[in-house]
PDB file of N, CA and C in Angstrom:
ATOM      1  N   MET A   1     -90.211 -37.394  88.057  1.00  0.00           N
ATOM      2  CA  MET A   1     -91.031 -36.507  87.468  1.00  0.00           C
ATOM      3  C   MET A   1     -91.251 -36.715  88.985  1.00  0.00           C
ATOM      4  N   THR A   2     -91.397 -35.139  89.393  1.00  0.00           N
ATOM      5  CA  THR A   2     -91.129 -34.602  91.033  1.00  0.00           C
ATOM      6  C   THR A   2     -92.525 -34.952  91.659  1.00  0.00           C
ATOM      7  N   ASP A   3     -92.625 -34.878  92.881  1.00  0.00           N
ATOM      8  CA  ASP A   3     -94.453 -35.365  93.613  1.00  0.00           C
ATOM      9  C   ASP A   3     -95.287 -34.014  92.809  1.00  0.00           C
ATOM     10  N   ALA A   4     -94.567 -32.734  93.541  1.00  0.00           N
ATOM     11  CA  ALA A   4     -95.414 -31.650  92.074  1.00  0.00           C
ATOM     12  C   ALA A   4     -95.711 -31.860  91.040  1.00  0.00           C
ATOM     13  N   GLU A   5     -95.170 -32.805  90.070  1.00  0.00           N
ATOM     14  CA  GLU A   5     -95.499 -32.636  88.383  1.00  0.00           C
ATOM     15  C   GLU A   5     -96.493 -33.624  88.280  1.00  0.00           C
ATOM     16  N   ILE A   6     -96.501 -34.679  89.551  1.00  0.00           N
ATOM     17  CA  ILE A   6     -97.486 -35.457  89.499  1.00  0.00           C
ATOM     18  C   ILE A   6     -98.508 -35.181  89.744  1.00  0.00           C
ATOM     19  N   GLN A   7     -98.501 -34.523  90.607  1.00  0.00           N
ATOM     20  CA  GLN A   7    -100.164 -33.859  91.698  1.00  0.00           C
ATOM     21  C   GLN A   7    -100.916 -32.796  90.709  1.00  0.00           C
ATOM     22  N   ALA A   8     -99.749 -32.161  90.156  1.00  0.00           N
ATOM     23  CA  ALA A   8    -100.473 -31.065  88.225  1.00  0.00           C
ATOM     24  C   ALA A   8    -101.330 -31.826  87.227  1.00  0.00           C
ATOM     25  N   ARG A   9    -100.071 -32.953  87.162  1.00  0.00           N
ATOM     26  CA  ARG A   9    -100.869 -33.857  86.137  1.00  0.00           C
ATOM     27  C   ARG A   9    -101.887 -34.169  86.506  1.00  0.00           C
ATOM     28  N   THR A  10    -102.344 -34.573  87.891  1.00  0.00           N
ATOM     29  CA  THR A  10    -103.592 -35.600  88.336  1.00  0.00           C
ATOM     30  C   THR A  10    -104.866 -34.612  88.279  1.00  0.00           C
ATOM     31  N   ILE A  11    -104.311 -33.806  89.068  1.00  0.00           N
ATOM     32  CA  ILE A  11    -105.442 -32.427  88.779  1.00  0.00           C
ATOM     33  C   ILE A  11    -105.733 -31.584  87.455  1.00  0.00           C
ATOM     34  N   LEU A  12    -104.481 -31.487  86.644  1.00  0.00           N
ATOM     35  CA  LEU A  12    -104.907 -31.500  85.587  1.00  0.00           C
ATOM     36  C   LEU A  12    -106.308 -32.233  84.760  1.00  0.00           C
ATOM     37  N   GLU A  13    -105.814 -33.920  85.461  1.00  0.00           N
ATOM     38  CA  GLU A  13    -106.493 -34.300  84.439  1.00  0.00           C
ATOM     39  C   GLU A  13    -108.025 -34.413  84.705  1.00  0.00           C
ATOM     40  N   ALA A  14    -107.926 -33.876  85.901  1.00  0.00           N
ATOM     41  CA  ALA A  14    -109.757 -33.740  86.868  1.00  0.00           C
ATOM     42  C   ALA A  14    -110.121 -32.757  86.509  1.00  0.00           C
ATOM     43  N   LEU A  15    -109.520 -31.440  86.320  1.00  0.00           N
ATOM     44  CA  LEU A  15    -110.242 -30.245  85.085  1.00  0.00           C
ATOM     45  C   LEU A  15    -110.925 -30.670  84.512  1.00  0.00           C
ATOM     46  N   ILE A  16    -110.022 -31.679  83.477  1.00  0.00           N
ATOM     47  CA  ILE A  16    -110.007 -32.237  81.662  1.00  0.00           C
ATOM     48  C   ILE A  16    -111.505 -33.223  82.405  1.00  0.00           C
ATOM     49  N   LYS A  17    -111.338 -33.664  82.617  1.00  0.00           N
ATOM     50  CA  LYS A  17    -112.605 -35.048  82.932  1.00  0.00           C
ATOM     51  C   LYS A  17    -112.991 -34.459  83.733  1.00  0.00           C
ATOM     52  N   THR A  18    -113.385 -33.862  84.049  1.00  0.00           N
ATOM     53  CA  THR A  18    -115.404 -33.124  84.618  1.00  0.00           C
ATOM     54  C   THR A  18    -116.105 -32.826  83.500  1.00  0.00           C
ATOM     55  N   GLU A  19    -116.907 -33.868  83.902  1.00  0.00           N
ATOM     56  CA  GLU A  19    -118.079 -33.663  82.806  1.00  0.00           C
ATOM     57  C   GLU A  19    -118.623 -32.339  82.767  1.00  0.00           C
ATOM     58  N   PHE A  20    -118.921 -31.209  81.634  1.00  0.00           N
ATOM     59  CA  PHE A  20    -119.756 -30.581  81.579  1.00  0.00           C
ATOM     60  C   PHE A  20    -120.768 -30.285  82.289  1.00  0.00           C
ATOM     61  N   SER A  21    -121.425 -31.022  82.111  1.00  0.00           N
ATOM     62  CA  SER A  21    -122.845 -31.015  83.173  1.00  0.00           C
ATOM     63  C   SER A  21    -122.243 -30.746  84.615  1.00  0.00           C
ATOM     64  N   GLU A  22    -120.715 -31.189  84.854  1.00  0.00           N
ATOM     65  CA  GLU A  22    -121.329 -30.850  86.602  1.00  0.00           C
ATOM     66  C   GLU A  22    -119.997 -29.775  86.819  1.00  0.00           C
ATOM     67  N   CYS A  23    -120.313 -28.901  85.528  1.00  0.00           N
ATOM     68  CA  CYS A  23    -119.344 -27.280  86.105  1.00  0.00           C
ATOM     69  C   CYS A  23    -119.993 -27.438  86.443  1.00  0.00           C
ATOM     70  N   ALA A  24    -119.465 -25.608  87.344  1.00  0.00           N
ATOM     71  CA  ALA A  24    -120.231 -25.063  86.961  1.00  0.00           C
ATOM     72  C   ALA A  24    -120.829 -23.962  86.903  1.00  0.00           C
ATOM     73  N   PRO A  25    -121.480 -23.695  86.033  1.00  0.00           N
ATOM     74  CA  PRO A  25    -121.987 -22.348  85.982  1.00  0.00           C
ATOM     75  C   PRO A  25    -122.028 -21.114  85.616  1.00  0.00           C
ATOM     76  N   ILE A  26    -122.159 -20.563  84.718  1.00  0.00           N
ATOM     77  CA  ILE A  26    -121.940 -18.795  85.004  1.00  0.00           C
ATOM     78  C   ILE A  26    -122.768 -18.453  85.480  1.00  0.00           C
ATOM     79  N   THR A  27    -122.988 -17.796  86.404  1.00  0.00           N
ATOM     80  CA  THR A  27    -124.515 -16.509  87.002  1.00  0.00           C
ATOM     81  C   THR A  27    -124.040 -15.756  87.382  1.00  0.00           C
ATOM     82  N   ARG A  28    -124.618 -14.513  88.279  1.00  0.00           N
ATOM     83  CA  ARG A  28    -123.917 -13.491  88.847  1.00  0.00           C
ATOM     84  C   ARG A  28    -123.385 -13.947  90.484  1.00  0.00           C
ATOM     85  N   GLU A  29    -124.556 -15.044  90.985  1.00  0.00           N
ATOM     86  CA  GLU A  29    -123.476 -15.359  92.097  1.00  0.00           C
ATOM     87  C   GLU A  29    -122.910 -16.131  92.017  1.00  0.00           C
ATOM     88  N   PHE A  30    -122.665 -16.661  90.756  1.00  0.00           N
ATOM     89  CA  PHE A  30    -121.305 -18.348  91.108  1.00  0.00           C
ATOM     90  C   PHE A  30    -121.720 -19.538  92.607  1.00  0.00           C
ATOM     91  N   ALA A  31    -123.074 -19.074  92.874  1.00  0.00           N
ATOM     92  CA  ALA A  31    -123.713 -20.283  94.237  1.00  0.00           C
ATOM     93  C   ALA A  31    -122.577 -21.274  94.104  1.00  0.00           C
ATOM     94  N   GLU A  32    -122.608 -21.903  92.936  1.00  0.00           N
ATOM     95  CA  GLU A  32    -122.046 -23.504  92.458  1.00  0.00           C
ATOM     96  C   GLU A  32    -120.785 -24.089  93.028  1.00  0.00           C
ATOM     97  N   LEU A  33    -119.932 -22.336  92.961  1.00  0.00           N
ATOM     98  CA  LEU A  33    -118.998 -22.342  93.137  1.00  0.00           C
ATOM     99  C   LEU A  33    -118.222 -23.146  94.788  1.00  0.00           C
ATOM    100  N   THR A  34    -117.532 -23.464  94.567  1.00  0.00           N
ATOM    101  CA  THR A  34    -116.763 -23.964  96.164  1.00  0.00           C
ATOM    102  C   THR A  34    -116.096 -23.397  97.162  1.00  0.00           C
ATOM    103  N   THR A  35    -116.543 -22.091  98.211  1.00  0.00           N
ATOM    104  CA  THR A  35    -115.677 -21.631  98.910  1.00  0.00           C
ATOM    105  C   THR A  35    -114.102 -21.838  99.384  1.00  0.00           C
ATOM    106  N   LYS A  36    -113.975 -23.023  99.342  1.00  0.00           N
ATOM    107  CA  LYS A  36    -112.546 -23.729  99.500  1.00  0.00           C
ATOM    108  C   LYS A  36    -111.207 -23.071  98.352  1.00  0.00           C
ATOM    109  N   PRO A  37    -110.254 -23.650  98.635  1.00  0.00           N
ATOM    110  CA  PRO A  37    -108.870 -22.916  98.467  1.00  0.00           C
ATOM    111  C   PRO A  37    -109.152 -24.193  97.783  1.00  0.00           C
ATOM    112  N   GLY A  38    -108.128 -24.329  96.175  1.00  0.00           N
ATOM    113  CA  GLY A  38    -107.346 -24.523  94.523  1.00  0.00           C
ATOM    114  C   GLY A  38    -107.623 -23.981  93.633  1.00  0.00           C
ATOM    115  N   ILE A  39    -107.757 -25.099  92.403  1.00  0.00           N
ATOM    116  CA  ILE A  39    -107.327 -24.965  91.388  1.00  0.00           C
ATOM    117  C   ILE A  39    -108.575 -24.746  90.487  1.00  0.00           C
ATOM    118  N   TYR A  40    -108.677 -23.362  89.676  1.00  0.00           N
ATOM    119  CA  TYR A  40    -109.921 -23.565  89.093  1.00  0.00           C
ATOM    120  C   TYR A  40    -109.109 -23.434  87.304  1.00  0.00           C
ATOM    121  N   ALA A  41    -110.518 -24.153  86.856  1.00  0.00           N
ATOM    122  CA  ALA A  41    -110.467 -24.013  85.619  1.00  0.00           C
ATOM    123  C   ALA A  41    -111.431 -24.037  84.734  1.00  0.00           C
ATOM    124  N   VAL A  42    -111.309 -22.801  83.625  1.00  0.00           N
ATOM    125  CA  VAL A  42    -112.892 -21.886  82.849  1.00  0.00           C
ATOM    126  C   VAL A  42    -112.671 -23.326  81.841  1.00  0.00           C
ATOM    127  N   ARG A  43    -113.539 -23.404  81.173  1.00  0.00           N
ATOM    128  CA  ARG A  43    -113.964 -24.415  80.076  1.00  0.00           C
ATOM    129  C   ARG A  43    -114.842 -24.068  78.588  1.00  0.00           C
ATOM    130  N   HIS A  44    -114.471 -23.787  77.860  1.00  0.00           N
ATOM    131  CA  HIS A  44    -115.774 -23.952  76.865  1.00  0.00           C
ATOM    132  C   HIS A  44    -116.042 -25.209  77.063  1.00  0.00           C
ATOM    133  N   ARG A  45    -117.231 -25.640  76.136  1.00  0.00           N
ATOM    134  CA  ARG A  45    -118.347 -26.867  75.743  1.00  0.00           C
ATOM    135  C   ARG A  45    -117.149 -27.550  75.240  1.00  0.00           C
ATOM    136  N   VAL A  46    -116.667 -26.878  73.929  1.00  0.00           N
ATOM    137  CA  VAL A  46    -115.770 -27.483  72.470  1.00  0.00           C
ATOM    138  C   VAL A  46    -114.384 -27.843  72.626  1.00  0.00           C
ATOM    139  N   ASP A  47    -113.883 -25.683  72.752  1.00  0.00           N
ATOM    140  CA  ASP A  47    -112.811 -25.781  73.192  1.00  0.00           C
ATOM    141  C   ASP A  47    -112.042 -25.852  74.033  1.00  0.00           C
ATOM    142  N   GLY A  48    -112.586 -26.577  75.443  1.00  0.00           N
ATOM    143  CA  GLY A  48    -111.069 -26.501  75.754  1.00  0.00           C
ATOM    144  C   GLY A  48    -111.032 -26.165  77.143  1.00  0.00           C
ATOM    145  N   LEU A  49    -110.038 -26.121  77.620  1.00  0.00           N
ATOM    146  CA  LEU A  49    -109.763 -25.176  78.831  1.00  0.00           C
ATOM    147  C   LEU A  49    -109.651 -24.183  77.970  1.00  0.00           C
ATOM    148  N   LEU A  50    -109.999 -23.109  79.189  1.00  0.00           N
ATOM    149  CA  LEU A  50    -110.086 -21.476  78.071  1.00  0.00           C
ATOM    150  C   LEU A  50    -108.104 -20.753  79.329  1.00  0.00           C
ATOM    151  N   TYR A  51    -109.003 -21.232  80.722  1.00  0.00           N
ATOM    152  CA  TYR A  51    -108.616 -20.610  81.826  1.00  0.00           C
ATOM    153  C   TYR A  51    -107.623 -21.115  83.033  1.00  0.00           C
ATOM    154  N   VAL A  52    -106.982 -21.081  83.717  1.00  0.00           N
ATOM    155  CA  VAL A  52    -106.818 -21.833  84.395  1.00  0.00           C
ATOM    156  C   VAL A  52    -106.024 -20.630  85.615  1.00  0.00           C
ATOM    157  N   GLY A  53    -106.469 -21.335  86.813  1.00  0.00           N
ATOM    158  CA  GLY A  53    -106.006 -20.600  88.167  1.00  0.00           C
ATOM    159  C   GLY A  53    -105.823 -20.668  89.573  1.00  0.00           C
ATOM    160  N   LYS A  54    -105.387 -20.495  90.607  1.00  0.00           N
ATOM    161  CA  LYS A  54    -105.861 -20.810  91.453  1.00  0.00           C
ATOM    162  C   LYS A  54    -106.520 -19.514  92.764  1.00  0.00           C
ATOM    163  N   ALA A  55    -107.308 -19.988  93.466  1.00  0.00           N
ATOM    164  CA  ALA A  55    -107.916 -19.217  94.426  1.00  0.00           C
ATOM    165  C   ALA A  55    -107.824 -19.731  96.096  1.00  0.00           C
ATOM    166  N   GLN A  56    -107.957 -18.442  96.773  1.00  0.00           N
ATOM    167  CA  GLN A  56    -108.044 -19.708  98.092  1.00  0.00           C
ATOM    168  C   GLN A  56    -109.842 -19.734  98.463  1.00  0.00           C
ATOM    169  N   ASP A  57    -109.957 -18.359  98.098  1.00  0.00           N
ATOM    170  CA  ASP A  57    -112.024 -18.835  97.775  1.00  0.00           C
ATOM    171  C   ASP A  57    -112.804 -18.706  96.515  1.00  0.00           C
ATOM    172  N   ILE A  58    -113.049 -19.678  95.901  1.00  0.00           N
ATOM    173  CA  ILE A  58    -112.595 -19.853  94.660  1.00  0.00           C
ATOM    174  C   ILE A  58    -113.687 -19.049  93.781  1.00  0.00           C
ATOM    175  N   ARG A  59    -114.872 -19.116  95.167  1.00  0.00           N
ATOM    176  CA  ARG A  59    -116.222 -18.980  94.817  1.00  0.00           C
ATOM    177  C   ARG A  59    -116.123 -16.938  94.177  1.00  0.00           C
ATOM    178  N   ASP A  60    -115.542 -16.644  95.453  1.00  0.00           N
ATOM    179  CA  ASP A  60    -115.304 -15.273  96.155  1.00  0.00           C
ATOM    180  C   ASP A  60    -114.598 -14.304  94.599  1.00  0.00           C
ATOM    181  N   ARG A  61    -113.363 -15.809  94.092  1.00  0.00           N
ATOM    182  CA  ARG A  61    -112.903 -15.055  92.844  1.00  0.00           C
ATOM    183  C   ARG A  61    -113.615 -14.826  91.900  1.00  0.00           C
ATOM    184  N   PHE A  62    -114.504 -15.147  91.352  1.00  0.00           N
ATOM    185  CA  PHE A  62    -115.543 -15.063  90.412  1.00  0.00           C
ATOM    186  C   PHE A  62    -116.685 -13.851  90.817  1.00  0.00           C
ATOM    187  N   ARG A  63    -116.236 -13.306  91.521  1.00  0.00           N
ATOM    188  CA  ARG A  63    -118.043 -12.818  92.198  1.00  0.00           C
ATOM    189  C   ARG A  63    -117.059 -11.557  92.764  1.00  0.00           C
ATOM    190  N   GLY A  64    -116.078 -11.090  91.664  1.00  0.00           N
ATOM    191  CA  GLY A  64    -115.070  -9.869  92.173  1.00  0.00           C
ATOM    192  C   GLY A  64    -114.600  -9.404  90.046  1.00  0.00           C
ATOM    193  N   GLY A  65    -115.338 -10.304  90.098  1.00  0.00           N
ATOM    194  CA  GLY A  65    -114.932 -10.012  88.733  1.00  0.00           C
ATOM    195  C   GLY A  65    -114.054 -11.072  88.155  1.00  0.00           C
ATOM    196  N   HIS A  66    -113.697 -11.357  86.853  1.00  0.00           N
ATOM    197  CA  HIS A  66    -112.427 -12.147  85.807  1.00  0.00           C
ATOM    198  C   HIS A  66    -112.507 -12.079  84.905  1.00  0.00           C
ATOM    199  N   LYS A  67    -111.971 -11.656  84.332  1.00  0.00           N
ATOM    200  CA  LYS A  67    -111.110 -11.688  83.051  1.00  0.00           C
ATOM    201  C   LYS A  67    -111.532 -12.960  82.446  1.00  0.00           C
ATOM    202  N   ALA A  68    -111.622 -13.809  82.826  1.00  0.00           N
ATOM    203  CA  ALA A  68    -112.071 -14.898  81.510  1.00  0.00           C
ATOM    204  C   ALA A  68    -112.866 -14.995  81.352  1.00  0.00           C
ATOM    205  N   ILE A  69    -113.994 -14.878  81.810  1.00  0.00           N
ATOM    206  CA  ILE A  69    -115.571 -14.264  81.713  1.00  0.00           C
ATOM    207  C   ILE A  69    -115.156 -13.167  80.562  1.00  0.00           C
ATOM    208  N   THR A  70    -115.674 -12.239  80.991  1.00  0.00           N
ATOM    209  CA  THR A  70    -114.919 -11.443  80.398  1.00  0.00           C
ATOM    210  C   THR A  70    -113.936 -11.919  78.838  1.00  0.00           C
ATOM    211  N   TRP A  71    -113.589 -12.132  78.892  1.00  0.00           N
ATOM    212  CA  TRP A  71    -113.099 -12.476  77.476  1.00  0.00           C
ATOM    213  C   TRP A  71    -113.306 -13.587  76.705  1.00  0.00           C
ATOM    214  N   SER A  72    -114.238 -14.603  77.733  1.00  0.00           N
ATOM    215  CA  SER A  72    -115.637 -15.209  77.079  1.00  0.00           C
ATOM    216  C   SER A  72    -116.223 -14.586  76.490  1.00  0.00           C
ATOM    217  N   TRP A  73    -116.380 -13.433  76.943  1.00  0.00           N
ATOM    218  CA  TRP A  73    -117.877 -12.465  76.063  1.00  0.00           C
ATOM    219  C   TRP A  73    -117.078 -11.189  74.398  1.00  0.00           C
ATOM    220  N   ILE A  74    -116.295 -11.664  74.960  1.00  0.00           N
ATOM    221  CA  ILE A  74    -115.447 -11.281  74.021  1.00  0.00           C
ATOM    222  C   ILE A  74    -114.784 -11.367  72.300  1.00  0.00           C
ATOM    223  N   THR A  75    -114.349 -12.401  73.122  1.00  0.00           N
ATOM    224  CA  THR A  75    -114.760 -13.842  71.688  1.00  0.00           C
ATOM    225  C   THR A  75    -115.757 -14.068  71.455  1.00  0.00           C
ATOM    226  N   ASP A  76    -117.115 -13.638  71.926  1.00  0.00           N
ATOM    227  CA  ASP A  76    -118.562 -14.192  71.304  1.00  0.00           C
ATOM    228  C   ASP A  76    -118.808 -15.687  71.809  1.00  0.00           C
ATOM    229  N   TYR A  77    -117.882 -16.352  72.785  1.00  0.00           N
ATOM    230  CA  TYR A  77    -118.628 -17.943  73.495  1.00  0.00           C
ATOM    231  C   TYR A  77    -120.295 -17.155  74.238  1.00  0.00           C
ATOM    232  N   ASP A  78    -121.184 -17.941  73.640  1.00  0.00           N
ATOM    233  CA  ASP A  78    -121.876 -18.363  74.383  1.00  0.00           C
ATOM    234  C   ASP A  78    -121.857 -18.167  76.187  1.00  0.00           C
ATOM    235  N   HIS A  79    -122.686 -17.840  76.940  1.00  0.00           N
ATOM    236  CA  HIS A  79    -122.923 -17.914  78.563  1.00  0.00           C
ATOM    237  C   HIS A  79    -122.840 -19.378  79.126  1.00  0.00           C
ATOM    238  N   LYS A  80    -123.323 -20.082  78.237  1.00  0.00           N
ATOM    239  CA  LYS A  80    -123.600 -21.580  78.214  1.00  0.00           C
ATOM    240  C   LYS A  80    -122.597 -22.426  77.981  1.00  0.00           C
ATOM    241  N   ASP A  81    -121.882 -21.808  77.201  1.00  0.00           N
ATOM    242  CA  ASP A  81    -121.160 -23.085  76.592  1.00  0.00           C
ATOM    243  C   ASP A  81    -119.492 -22.052  77.401  1.00  0.00           C
ATOM    244  N   VAL A  82    -120.023 -21.664  78.264  1.00  0.00           N
ATOM    245  CA  VAL A  82    -117.998 -21.294  79.029  1.00  0.00           C
ATOM    246  C   VAL A  82    -119.125 -22.268  80.587  1.00  0.00           C
ATOM    247  N   ALA A  83    -118.152 -22.656  81.706  1.00  0.00           N
ATOM    248  CA  ALA A  83    -117.640 -23.503  82.826  1.00  0.00           C
ATOM    249  C   ALA A  83    -117.050 -23.235  83.941  1.00  0.00           C
ATOM    250  N   ILE A  84    -117.244 -23.520  84.354  1.00  0.00           N
ATOM    251  CA  ILE A  84    -115.855 -23.277  85.409  1.00  0.00           C
ATOM    252  C   ILE A  84    -115.647 -24.845  86.748  1.00  0.00           C
ATOM    253  N   ALA A  85    -114.662 -25.229  86.216  1.00  0.00           N
ATOM    254  CA  ALA A  85    -114.230 -26.568  87.052  1.00  0.00           C
ATOM    255  C   ALA A  85    -113.319 -26.355  87.807  1.00  0.00           C
ATOM    256  N   SER A  86    -112.977 -27.164  88.871  1.00  0.00           N
ATOM    257  CA  SER A  86    -112.110 -26.751  90.279  1.00  0.00           C
ATOM    258  C   SER A  86    -112.022 -28.446  91.042  1.00  0.00           C
ATOM    259  N   TYR A  87    -111.126 -27.785  91.732  1.00  0.00           N
ATOM    260  CA  TYR A  87    -110.123 -28.758  92.475  1.00  0.00           C
ATOM    261  C   TYR A  87    -109.817 -28.407  93.831  1.00  0.00           C
ATOM    262  N   THR A  88    -110.425 -28.696  94.719  1.00  0.00           N
ATOM    263  CA  THR A  88    -110.482 -27.755  95.786  1.00  0.00           C
ATOM    264  C   THR A  88    -109.038 -29.034  96.645  1.00  0.00           C
ATOM    265  N   LEU A  89    -107.883 -28.079  97.580  1.00  0.00           N
ATOM    266  CA  LEU A  89    -106.866 -28.066  97.886  1.00  0.00           C
ATOM    267  C   LEU A  89    -107.540 -27.473  99.642  1.00  0.00           C
ATOM    268  N   ASP A  90    -106.534 -28.895  99.981  1.00  0.00           N
ATOM    269  CA  ASP A  90    -106.684 -28.142 102.256  1.00  0.00           C
ATOM    270  C   ASP A  90    -105.547 -27.766 101.587  1.00  0.00           C
ATOM    271  N   PHE A  91    -105.930 -26.592 103.565  1.00  0.00           N
ATOM    272  CA  PHE A  91    -104.810 -25.301 103.956  1.00  0.00           C
ATOM    273  C   PHE A  91    -103.640 -25.400 103.232  1.00  0.00           C
ATOM    274  N   MET A  92    -103.184 -27.223 103.955  1.00  0.00           N
ATOM    275  CA  MET A  92    -101.727 -26.704 103.709  1.00  0.00           C
ATOM    276  C   MET A  92    -101.045 -26.544 102.278  1.00  0.00           C
ATOM    277  N   GLN A  93    -101.838 -27.977 101.607  1.00  0.00           N
ATOM    278  CA  GLN A  93    -101.402 -27.702 100.129  1.00  0.00           C
ATOM    279  C   GLN A  93    -101.586 -26.612  99.253  1.00  0.00           C
ATOM    280  N   TRP A  94    -102.546 -25.894 100.073  1.00  0.00           N
ATOM    281  CA  TRP A  94    -102.955 -24.650  99.224  1.00  0.00           C
ATOM    282  C   TRP A  94    -101.472 -23.978  99.360  1.00  0.00           C
ATOM    283  N   ARG A  95    -101.063 -23.678 101.309  1.00  0.00           N
ATOM    284  CA  ARG A  95    -100.088 -22.748 101.569  1.00  0.00           C
ATOM    285  C   ARG A  95     -98.634 -23.560 101.005  1.00  0.00           C
ATOM    286  N   ALA A  96     -98.024 -24.229 100.468  1.00  0.00           N
ATOM    287  CA  ALA A  96     -97.177 -24.574 100.404  1.00  0.00           C
ATOM    288  C   ALA A  96     -97.035 -25.458  98.733  1.00  0.00           C
ATOM    289  N   LEU A  97     -98.287 -25.296  97.904  1.00  0.00           N
ATOM    290  CA  LEU A  97     -98.155 -26.136  96.774  1.00  0.00           C
ATOM    291  C   LEU A  97     -98.948 -25.284  95.943  1.00  0.00           C
ATOM    292  N   SER A  98     -99.738 -24.652  96.041  1.00  0.00           N
ATOM    293  CA  SER A  98    -100.196 -23.262  95.033  1.00  0.00           C
ATOM    294  C   SER A  98    -100.391 -22.815  94.244  1.00  0.00           C
ATOM    295  N   SER A  99     -99.256 -21.783  94.524  1.00  0.00           N
ATOM    296  CA  SER A  99     -98.136 -21.383  92.794  1.00  0.00           C
ATOM    297  C   SER A  99     -97.481 -22.491  91.960  1.00  0.00           C
ATOM    298  N   GLU A 100     -96.728 -23.444  92.440  1.00  0.00           N
ATOM    299  CA  GLU A 100     -95.849 -24.403  91.888  1.00  0.00           C
ATOM    300  C   GLU A 100     -97.248 -25.265  91.044  1.00  0.00           C
ATOM    301  N   LEU A 101     -97.906 -25.733  91.678  1.00  0.00           N
ATOM    302  CA  LEU A 101     -99.136 -26.468  90.819  1.00  0.00           C
ATOM    303  C   LEU A 101     -99.968 -25.691  89.760  1.00  0.00           C
ATOM    304  N   GLU A 102     -99.663 -24.628  90.703  1.00  0.00           N
ATOM    305  CA  GLU A 102    -100.789 -23.630  88.674  1.00  0.00           C
ATOM    306  C   GLU A 102     -99.651 -23.006  87.647  1.00  0.00           C
ATOM    307  N   GLY A 103     -98.457 -23.044  88.541  1.00  0.00           N
ATOM    308  CA  GLY A 103     -97.338 -23.024  87.075  1.00  0.00           C
ATOM    309  C   GLY A 103     -97.114 -24.290  86.058  1.00  0.00           C
ATOM    310  N   ILE A 104     -97.366 -25.679  86.743  1.00  0.00           N
ATOM    311  CA  ILE A 104     -97.055 -26.741  85.817  1.00  0.00           C
ATOM    312  C   ILE A 104     -97.558 -26.408  85.152  1.00  0.00           C
ATOM    313  N   ILE A 105     -99.329 -26.577  86.224  1.00  0.00           N
ATOM    314  CA  ILE A 105    -100.105 -26.884  84.883  1.00  0.00           C
ATOM    315  C   ILE A 105    -101.120 -26.229  83.813  1.00  0.00           C
ATOM    316  N   LEU A 106    -100.422 -24.231  84.312  1.00  0.00           N
ATOM    317  CA  LEU A 106    -100.147 -23.768  82.992  1.00  0.00           C
ATOM    318  C   LEU A 106     -98.925 -24.236  81.494  1.00  0.00           C
ATOM    319  N   ASN A 107     -97.915 -24.683  82.488  1.00  0.00           N
ATOM    320  CA  ASN A 107     -97.035 -24.726  81.302  1.00  0.00           C
ATOM    321  C   ASN A 107     -97.568 -26.243  80.816  1.00  0.00           C
ATOM    322  N   ILE A 108     -98.026 -27.003  81.449  1.00  0.00           N
ATOM    323  CA  ILE A 108     -98.794 -28.157  80.355  1.00  0.00           C
ATOM    324  C   ILE A 108     -99.442 -27.784  79.380  1.00  0.00           C
ATOM    325  N   SER A 109    -100.428 -27.671  79.847  1.00  0.00           N
ATOM    326  CA  SER A 109    -101.851 -26.738  79.058  1.00  0.00           C
ATOM    327  C   SER A 109    -101.841 -25.494  78.329  1.00  0.00           C
ATOM    328  N   LYS A 110    -100.812 -25.037  78.227  1.00  0.00           N
ATOM    329  CA  LYS A 110    -100.961 -23.380  78.046  1.00  0.00           C
ATOM    330  C   LYS A 110    -102.508 -23.317  76.885  1.00  0.00           C
ATOM    331  N   PRO A 111    -103.648 -22.827  78.662  1.00  0.00           N
ATOM    332  CA  PRO A 111    -104.808 -22.288  77.858  1.00  0.00           C
ATOM    333  C   PRO A 111    -105.243 -20.868  77.158  1.00  0.00           C
ATOM    334  N   PRO A 112    -105.600 -20.118  76.254  1.00  0.00           N
ATOM    335  CA  PRO A 112    -105.472 -18.974  75.545  1.00  0.00           C
ATOM    336  C   PRO A 112    -105.595 -17.938  76.567  1.00  0.00           C
ATOM    337  N   PHE A 113    -106.586 -17.747  77.464  1.00  0.00           N
ATOM    338  CA  PHE A 113    -106.590 -16.751  78.249  1.00  0.00           C
ATOM    339  C   PHE A 113    -105.969 -16.447  79.109  1.00  0.00           C
ATOM    340  N   ASN A 114    -105.285 -17.186  79.162  1.00  0.00           N
ATOM    341  CA  ASN A 114    -103.901 -17.390  80.027  1.00  0.00           C
ATOM    342  C   ASN A 114    -102.939 -15.948  80.015  1.00  0.00           C
ATOM    343  N   ALA A 115    -102.230 -14.664  80.200  1.00  0.00           N
ATOM    344  CA  ALA A 115    -101.725 -13.717  79.677  1.00  0.00           C
ATOM    345  C   ALA A 115    -100.376 -14.121  79.590  1.00  0.00           C
ATOM    346  N   ARG A 116    -100.146 -14.478  81.134  1.00  0.00           N
ATOM    347  CA  ARG A 116     -98.466 -14.806  81.240  1.00  0.00           C
ATOM    348  C   ARG A 116     -98.723 -16.008  81.647  1.00  0.00           C
ATOM    349  N   ILE A 117     -97.032 -17.061  81.511  1.00  0.00           N
ATOM    350  CA  ILE A 117     -97.902 -18.305  81.701  1.00  0.00           C
ATOM    351  C   ILE A 117     -95.898 -18.295  82.349  1.00  0.00           C
ATOM    352  N   PRO A 118     -95.756 -18.795  83.373  1.00  0.00           N
ATOM    353  CA  PRO A 118     -94.556 -19.296  83.811  1.00  0.00           C
ATOM    354  C   PRO A 118     -93.574 -19.947  83.590  1.00  0.00           C
ATOM    355  N   MET A 119     -92.346 -19.276  82.869  1.00  0.00           N
ATOM    356  CA  MET A 119     -91.189 -20.078  82.423  1.00  0.00           C
ATOM    357  C   MET A 119     -90.739 -21.347  83.645  1.00  0.00           C
ATOM    358  N   ARG A 120     -90.314 -22.834  82.948  1.00  0.00           N
ATOM    359  CA  ARG A 120     -89.696 -23.395  83.947  1.00  0.00           C
ATOM    360  C   ARG A 120     -88.524 -23.870  83.974  1.00  0.00           C
ATOM    361  N   ASP A 121     -87.661 -24.016  84.434  1.00  0.00           N
ATOM    362  CA  ASP A 121     -86.301 -24.425  84.855  1.00  0.00           C
ATOM    363  C   ASP A 121     -86.302 -26.248  83.569  1.00  0.00           C
TER     364      ASP A 121
END
């Protein structure tokens, strides 16, 4: 297993194991989300991971609109049962590894709201 695969699994485990009550709720301003770069997961209280992504500023990513929030509404999930877990990365990790880490995490977890999951060798 590569260092990136180990790190991706660590991040995925952290996103999954974050208590739902510790995740940022879906609100108009997303004030509880970090403004730092990182990997995030839109989670459902019962169904688990719905979407995994990366952003240079996680709060701004959601303030600008996000399809996972729309899809959860279309799926008829109560907004109180959907929240966002995040794992921050330092700037160097973000620049060097964010796309690779996101790809590995997507291939492992296959969240239903991620339309495209990159193929791995």
